[in-house]
């Protein structure tokens, strides 16, 4: 019993490389977020008739949490990467100002909850998709209350969250898993289990 507990603690213990990797992922995606935010807002007029559909593009904002969870595999990695990315985006001048920090926390927590369901022991594409969907649903519901309260019908609200969930599954979930797999094959993740699993 004590041996199993010690192994579990060791598996979840943070290393310096874990902390640095989660932070670097956050910074890199924060720059991406800043550029993606500009593109996202410029495309808004195209969705004027069906505004809820634009959330199909929102899965990009979930990527650092999913990727960090798949790579670092430590409790808190997804939240750290997502909050770092949100902070960088805010500092660079986000269209949503410091509101991105709240979103970053919600998205990171969503991924943390999904991975925690499997006790940080399973990190396949199905878990990545679940993480993306859960984070997207939580963030979508938050955005409805924060930005669109009373502006849309119930049908529009449901479709907004549904489109966000699809984006979370495809862009953040499968996209994040594919990105980790590609990075692993370059040898960039040799310090992590993901680097060994996807090598070849």
C-alpha atoms as a PDB file:
ATOM      1  CA  UNK A   1       0.000   0.000   0.000  1.00  0.00           C
ATOM      2  CA  UNK A   2       2.724   2.446   1.010  1.00  0.00           C
ATOM      3  CA  UNK A   3       4.777   1.474  -2.059  1.00  0.00           C
ATOM      4  CA  UNK A   4       1.848   2.245  -4.377  1.00  0.00           C
ATOM      5  CA  UNK A   5       1.262   5.563  -2.622  1.00  0.00           C
ATOM      6  CA  UNK A   6       4.925   6.517  -2.931  1.00  0.00           C
ATOM      7  CA  UNK A   7       4.907   5.683  -6.643  1.00  0.00           C
ATOM      8  CA  UNK A   8       1.792   7.809  -7.139  1.00  0.00           C
ATOM      9  CA  UNK A   9       3.403  10.740  -5.351  1.00  0.00           C
ATOM     10  CA  UNK A  10       6.578  10.368  -7.390  1.00  0.00           C
ATOM     11  CA  UNK A  11       4.608  10.297 -10.630  1.00  0.00           C
ATOM     12  CA  UNK A  12       2.879  13.567  -9.703  1.00  0.00           C
ATOM     13  CA  UNK A  13       5.960  15.341  -8.337  1.00  0.00           C
ATOM     14  CA  UNK A  14       6.987  18.350 -10.384  1.00  0.00           C
ATOM     15  CA  UNK A  15      10.463  18.563 -11.921  1.00  0.00           C
ATOM     16  CA  UNK A  16      12.175  21.725 -13.104  1.00  0.00           C
ATOM     17  CA  UNK A  17      11.753  20.626 -16.715  1.00  0.00           C
ATOM     18  CA  UNK A  18       8.004  20.210 -16.131  1.00  0.00           C
ATOM     19  CA  UNK A  19       7.645  23.746 -14.814  1.00  0.00           C
ATOM     20  CA  UNK A  20       9.741  25.255 -17.590  1.00  0.00           C
ATOM     21  CA  UNK A  21       7.924  23.322 -20.320  1.00  0.00           C
ATOM     22  CA  UNK A  22       4.461  24.330 -19.092  1.00  0.00           C
ATOM     23  CA  UNK A  23       5.589  27.948 -18.870  1.00  0.00           C
ATOM     24  CA  UNK A  24       7.199  27.949 -22.329  1.00  0.00           C
ATOM     25  CA  UNK A  25       4.077  26.404 -23.843  1.00  0.00           C
ATOM     26  CA  UNK A  26       2.022  29.105 -22.168  1.00  0.00           C
ATOM     27  CA  UNK A  27       4.186  31.938 -23.473  1.00  0.00           C
ATOM     28  CA  UNK A  28       4.242  30.531 -27.007  1.00  0.00           C
ATOM     29  CA  UNK A  29       0.488  30.060 -27.118  1.00  0.00           C
ATOM     30  CA  UNK A  30      -0.040  33.480 -25.531  1.00  0.00           C
ATOM     31  CA  UNK A  31       1.562  35.081 -28.591  1.00  0.00           C
ATOM     32  CA  UNK A  32      -0.605  32.871 -30.808  1.00  0.00           C
ATOM     33  CA  UNK A  33      -3.680  33.935 -28.807  1.00  0.00           C
ATOM     34  CA  UNK A  34      -2.922  37.593 -29.380  1.00  0.00           C
ATOM     35  CA  UNK A  35      -2.751  37.111 -33.148  1.00  0.00           C
ATOM     36  CA  UNK A  36      -5.724  34.759 -33.186  1.00  0.00           C
ATOM     37  CA  UNK A  37      -7.794  37.283 -31.244  1.00  0.00           C
ATOM     38  CA  UNK A  38      -7.192  39.924 -33.902  1.00  0.00           C
ATOM     39  CA  UNK A  39      -8.203  37.499 -36.663  1.00  0.00           C
ATOM     40  CA  UNK A  40     -11.209  36.251 -34.675  1.00  0.00           C
ATOM     41  CA  UNK A  41     -12.648  39.735 -34.125  1.00  0.00           C
ATOM     42  CA  UNK A  42     -12.015  40.710 -37.758  1.00  0.00           C
ATOM     43  CA  UNK A  43     -14.123  37.736 -38.858  1.00  0.00           C
ATOM     44  CA  UNK A  44     -17.074  38.591 -36.592  1.00  0.00           C
ATOM     45  CA  UNK A  45     -19.017  40.498 -39.329  1.00  0.00           C
ATOM     46  CA  UNK A  46     -19.045  37.327 -41.430  1.00  0.00           C
ATOM     47  CA  UNK A  47     -21.067  35.588 -38.715  1.00  0.00           C
ATOM     48  CA  UNK A  48     -23.589  38.394 -38.188  1.00  0.00           C
ATOM     49  CA  UNK A  49     -26.550  36.243 -39.282  1.00  0.00           C
ATOM     50  CA  UNK A  50     -25.482  33.221 -37.236  1.00  0.00           C
ATOM     51  CA  UNK A  51     -23.208  34.590 -34.454  1.00  0.00           C
ATOM     52  CA  UNK A  52     -23.229  31.360 -32.460  1.00  0.00           C
ATOM     53  CA  UNK A  53     -21.368  29.570 -35.253  1.00  0.00           C
ATOM     54  CA  UNK A  54     -18.239  31.659 -34.677  1.00  0.00           C
ATOM     55  CA  UNK A  55     -17.492  29.655 -31.541  1.00  0.00           C
ATOM     56  CA  UNK A  56     -16.413  26.845 -33.906  1.00  0.00           C
ATOM     57  CA  UNK A  57     -13.138  28.807 -34.077  1.00  0.00           C
ATOM     58  CA  UNK A  58     -12.680  29.060 -30.315  1.00  0.00           C
ATOM     59  CA  UNK A  59     -10.971  25.727 -29.692  1.00  0.00           C
ATOM     60  CA  UNK A  60      -7.619  27.400 -30.362  1.00  0.00           C
ATOM     61  CA  UNK A  61      -7.837  29.057 -26.926  1.00  0.00           C
ATOM     62  CA  UNK A  62      -7.942  25.644 -25.242  1.00  0.00           C
ATOM     63  CA  UNK A  63      -4.792  24.261 -26.847  1.00  0.00           C
ATOM     64  CA  UNK A  64      -2.152  25.170 -24.219  1.00  0.00           C
ATOM     65  CA  UNK A  65      -4.079  23.429 -21.446  1.00  0.00           C
ATOM     66  CA  UNK A  66      -4.595  20.250 -23.469  1.00  0.00           C
ATOM     67  CA  UNK A  67      -1.027  20.146 -24.795  1.00  0.00           C
ATOM     68  CA  UNK A  68       0.509  20.818 -21.366  1.00  0.00           C
ATOM     69  CA  UNK A  69      -1.631  18.105 -19.790  1.00  0.00           C
ATOM     70  CA  UNK A  70      -0.579  15.578 -22.446  1.00  0.00           C
ATOM     71  CA  UNK A  71       3.106  16.473 -22.207  1.00  0.00           C
ATOM     72  CA  UNK A  72       3.815  17.352 -18.572  1.00  0.00           C
ATOM     73  CA  UNK A  73       1.255  14.986 -17.017  1.00  0.00           C
ATOM     74  CA  UNK A  74       1.254  16.680 -13.627  1.00  0.00           C
ATOM     75  CA  UNK A  75      -1.724  18.071 -11.687  1.00  0.00           C
ATOM     76  CA  UNK A  76      -1.869  21.788 -12.402  1.00  0.00           C
ATOM     77  CA  UNK A  77       0.083  21.703 -15.672  1.00  0.00           C
ATOM     78  CA  UNK A  78      -2.956  22.540 -17.802  1.00  0.00           C
ATOM     79  CA  UNK A  79      -3.952  25.420 -15.530  1.00  0.00           C
ATOM     80  CA  UNK A  80      -0.405  26.822 -15.411  1.00  0.00           C
ATOM     81  CA  UNK A  81       0.007  26.756 -19.198  1.00  0.00           C
ATOM     82  CA  UNK A  82      -3.435  28.238 -19.851  1.00  0.00           C
ATOM     83  CA  UNK A  83      -3.033  31.019 -17.287  1.00  0.00           C
ATOM     84  CA  UNK A  84       0.428  31.861 -18.614  1.00  0.00           C
ATOM     85  CA  UNK A  85      -0.960  32.072 -22.147  1.00  0.00           C
ATOM     86  CA  UNK A  86      -3.857  34.262 -20.999  1.00  0.00           C
ATOM     87  CA  UNK A  87      -1.465  36.545 -19.108  1.00  0.00           C
ATOM     88  CA  UNK A  88       0.765  36.978 -22.147  1.00  0.00           C
ATOM     89  CA  UNK A  89      -2.254  37.687 -24.329  1.00  0.00           C
ATOM     90  CA  UNK A  90      -3.516  40.296 -21.857  1.00  0.00           C
ATOM     91  CA  UNK A  91      -0.095  41.966 -21.606  1.00  0.00           C
ATOM     92  CA  UNK A  92       0.171  42.159 -25.398  1.00  0.00           C
ATOM     93  CA  UNK A  93      -3.177  43.931 -25.591  1.00  0.00           C
ATOM     94  CA  UNK A  94      -6.086  41.523 -25.907  1.00  0.00           C
ATOM     95  CA  UNK A  95      -9.390  42.706 -27.348  1.00  0.00           C
ATOM     96  CA  UNK A  96     -11.013  41.284 -24.188  1.00  0.00           C
ATOM     97  CA  UNK A  97      -8.514  42.968 -21.833  1.00  0.00           C
ATOM     98  CA  UNK A  98      -8.015  41.181 -18.497  1.00  0.00           C
ATOM     99  CA  UNK A  99     -11.196  39.172 -19.066  1.00  0.00           C
ATOM    100  CA  UNK A 100      -8.985  36.580 -20.734  1.00  0.00           C
ATOM    101  CA  UNK A 101      -7.544  35.740 -17.305  1.00  0.00           C
ATOM    102  CA  UNK A 102     -10.935  34.523 -16.103  1.00  0.00           C
ATOM    103  CA  UNK A 103     -11.367  32.522 -19.285  1.00  0.00           C
ATOM    104  CA  UNK A 104      -7.875  31.079 -18.901  1.00  0.00           C
ATOM    105  CA  UNK A 105      -8.687  29.862 -15.410  1.00  0.00           C
ATOM    106  CA  UNK A 106     -11.970  28.283 -16.496  1.00  0.00           C
ATOM    107  CA  UNK A 107     -10.416  26.567 -19.513  1.00  0.00           C
ATOM    108  CA  UNK A 108      -7.469  25.283 -17.536  1.00  0.00           C
ATOM    109  CA  UNK A 109      -9.710  23.923 -14.797  1.00  0.00           C
ATOM    110  CA  UNK A 110     -11.876  22.197 -17.403  1.00  0.00           C
ATOM    111  CA  UNK A 111      -8.882  20.275 -18.754  1.00  0.00           C
ATOM    112  CA  UNK A 112      -7.625  19.527 -15.239  1.00  0.00           C
ATOM    113  CA  UNK A 113     -10.986  17.977 -14.322  1.00  0.00           C
ATOM    114  CA  UNK A 114     -11.046  15.805 -17.442  1.00  0.00           C
ATOM    115  CA  UNK A 115      -7.544  14.426 -16.844  1.00  0.00           C
ATOM    116  CA  UNK A 116      -8.220  13.982 -13.121  1.00  0.00           C
ATOM    117  CA  UNK A 117     -11.083  11.616 -13.968  1.00  0.00           C
ATOM    118  CA  UNK A 118      -8.386   9.141 -15.029  1.00  0.00           C
ATOM    119  CA  UNK A 119      -6.039  10.010 -12.132  1.00  0.00           C
ATOM    120  CA  UNK A 120      -3.461  11.420 -14.571  1.00  0.00           C
ATOM    121  CA  UNK A 121      -2.804   7.914 -15.912  1.00  0.00           C
ATOM    122  CA  UNK A 122      -4.418   7.967 -19.357  1.00  0.00           C
ATOM    123  CA  UNK A 123      -3.411  10.430 -22.042  1.00  0.00           C
ATOM    124  CA  UNK A 124      -4.701   9.063 -25.331  1.00  0.00           C
ATOM    125  CA  UNK A 125      -6.733  10.910 -27.977  1.00  0.00           C
ATOM    126  CA  UNK A 126     -10.028  10.059 -26.262  1.00  0.00           C
ATOM    127  CA  UNK A 127      -8.900  11.766 -23.051  1.00  0.00           C
ATOM    128  CA  UNK A 128      -7.644  14.742 -25.066  1.00  0.00           C
ATOM    129  CA  UNK A 129     -11.038  15.057 -26.771  1.00  0.00           C
ATOM    130  CA  UNK A 130     -12.857  14.821 -23.433  1.00  0.00           C
ATOM    131  CA  UNK A 131     -10.583  17.518 -22.010  1.00  0.00           C
ATOM    132  CA  UNK A 132     -11.253  19.798 -24.964  1.00  0.00           C
ATOM    133  CA  UNK A 133     -15.005  19.291 -24.794  1.00  0.00           C
ATOM    134  CA  UNK A 134     -15.259  19.827 -21.033  1.00  0.00           C
ATOM    135  CA  UNK A 135     -13.136  22.977 -21.156  1.00  0.00           C
ATOM    136  CA  UNK A 136     -15.175  24.282 -24.101  1.00  0.00           C
ATOM    137  CA  UNK A 137     -18.525  23.677 -22.411  1.00  0.00           C
ATOM    138  CA  UNK A 138     -17.423  25.394 -19.194  1.00  0.00           C
ATOM    139  CA  UNK A 139     -15.989  28.357 -21.087  1.00  0.00           C
ATOM    140  CA  UNK A 140     -18.999  28.541 -23.421  1.00  0.00           C
ATOM    141  CA  UNK A 141     -21.449  28.702 -20.517  1.00  0.00           C
ATOM    142  CA  UNK A 142     -19.309  31.364 -18.812  1.00  0.00           C
ATOM    143  CA  UNK A 143     -19.216  33.484 -21.979  1.00  0.00           C
ATOM    144  CA  UNK A 144     -22.990  33.307 -22.336  1.00  0.00           C
ATOM    145  CA  UNK A 145     -23.418  34.813 -18.872  1.00  0.00           C
ATOM    146  CA  UNK A 146     -20.507  37.259 -19.179  1.00  0.00           C
ATOM    147  CA  UNK A 147     -21.006  38.569 -22.711  1.00  0.00           C
ATOM    148  CA  UNK A 148     -24.327  37.470 -24.168  1.00  0.00           C
ATOM    149  CA  UNK A 149     -26.746  37.437 -21.230  1.00  0.00           C
ATOM    150  CA  UNK A 150     -30.203  38.278 -22.552  1.00  0.00           C
ATOM    151  CA  UNK A 151     -28.906  38.934 -26.067  1.00  0.00           C
ATOM    152  CA  UNK A 152     -29.698  35.531 -27.576  1.00  0.00           C
ATOM    153  CA  UNK A 153     -32.552  33.070 -27.507  1.00  0.00           C
ATOM    154  CA  UNK A 154     -32.124  29.789 -25.663  1.00  0.00           C
ATOM    155  CA  UNK A 155     -31.679  28.016 -29.003  1.00  0.00           C
ATOM    156  CA  UNK A 156     -28.814  30.312 -29.992  1.00  0.00           C
ATOM    157  CA  UNK A 157     -27.195  29.782 -26.583  1.00  0.00           C
ATOM    158  CA  UNK A 158     -27.345  25.999 -26.877  1.00  0.00           C
ATOM    159  CA  UNK A 159     -25.940  26.112 -30.402  1.00  0.00           C
ATOM    160  CA  UNK A 160     -23.133  28.422 -29.258  1.00  0.00           C
ATOM    161  CA  UNK A 161     -22.008  25.962 -26.592  1.00  0.00           C
ATOM    162  CA  UNK A 162     -22.463  23.036 -28.990  1.00  0.00           C
ATOM    163  CA  UNK A 163     -20.262  24.656 -31.664  1.00  0.00           C
ATOM    164  CA  UNK A 164     -17.692  25.491 -28.987  1.00  0.00           C
ATOM    165  CA  UNK A 165     -17.735  21.855 -27.838  1.00  0.00           C
ATOM    166  CA  UNK A 166     -17.143  20.633 -31.397  1.00  0.00           C
ATOM    167  CA  UNK A 167     -14.209  23.017 -31.701  1.00  0.00           C
ATOM    168  CA  UNK A 168     -12.913  21.832 -28.343  1.00  0.00           C
ATOM    169  CA  UNK A 169     -13.051  18.222 -29.501  1.00  0.00           C
ATOM    170  CA  UNK A 170     -11.495  18.739 -32.934  1.00  0.00           C
ATOM    171  CA  UNK A 171      -9.111  21.689 -32.543  1.00  0.00           C
ATOM    172  CA  UNK A 172      -8.033  21.399 -28.907  1.00  0.00           C
ATOM    173  CA  UNK A 173      -8.570  17.667 -28.380  1.00  0.00           C
ATOM    174  CA  UNK A 174      -7.484  15.928 -31.567  1.00  0.00           C
ATOM    175  CA  UNK A 175      -5.411  18.903 -32.687  1.00  0.00           C
ATOM    176  CA  UNK A 176      -3.569  19.057 -29.382  1.00  0.00           C
ATOM    177  CA  UNK A 177      -2.932  15.328 -29.395  1.00  0.00           C
ATOM    178  CA  UNK A 178      -1.640  15.477 -32.990  1.00  0.00           C
ATOM    179  CA  UNK A 179       0.640  18.399 -32.083  1.00  0.00           C
ATOM    180  CA  UNK A 180       2.126  16.481 -29.150  1.00  0.00           C
ATOM    181  CA  UNK A 181       2.639  13.453 -31.371  1.00  0.00           C
ATOM    182  CA  UNK A 182       4.418  15.566 -33.994  1.00  0.00           C
ATOM    183  CA  UNK A 183       6.648  17.233 -31.411  1.00  0.00           C
ATOM    184  CA  UNK A 184       7.521  13.855 -29.901  1.00  0.00           C
ATOM    185  CA  UNK A 185       8.673  12.524 -33.253  1.00  0.00           C
ATOM    186  CA  UNK A 186      11.174  15.374 -33.544  1.00  0.00           C
ATOM    187  CA  UNK A 187      12.747  14.392 -30.235  1.00  0.00           C
ATOM    188  CA  UNK A 188      11.670  17.639 -28.549  1.00  0.00           C
ATOM    189  CA  UNK A 189       9.803  15.738 -25.824  1.00  0.00           C
ATOM    190  CA  UNK A 190      12.484  13.199 -24.963  1.00  0.00           C
ATOM    191  CA  UNK A 191      12.305  14.176 -21.286  1.00  0.00           C
ATOM    192  CA  UNK A 192       8.652  13.126 -21.071  1.00  0.00           C
ATOM    193  CA  UNK A 193       6.712   9.862 -21.399  1.00  0.00           C
ATOM    194  CA  UNK A 194       4.891  11.350 -24.387  1.00  0.00           C
ATOM    195  CA  UNK A 195       8.221  11.612 -26.192  1.00  0.00           C
ATOM    196  CA  UNK A 196       8.857   7.915 -25.779  1.00  0.00           C
ATOM    197  CA  UNK A 197       5.308   6.809 -26.572  1.00  0.00           C
ATOM    198  CA  UNK A 198       5.084   8.632 -29.891  1.00  0.00           C
ATOM    199  CA  UNK A 199       8.663   8.172 -31.049  1.00  0.00           C
ATOM    200  CA  UNK A 200       9.102   6.439 -34.363  1.00  0.00           C
END
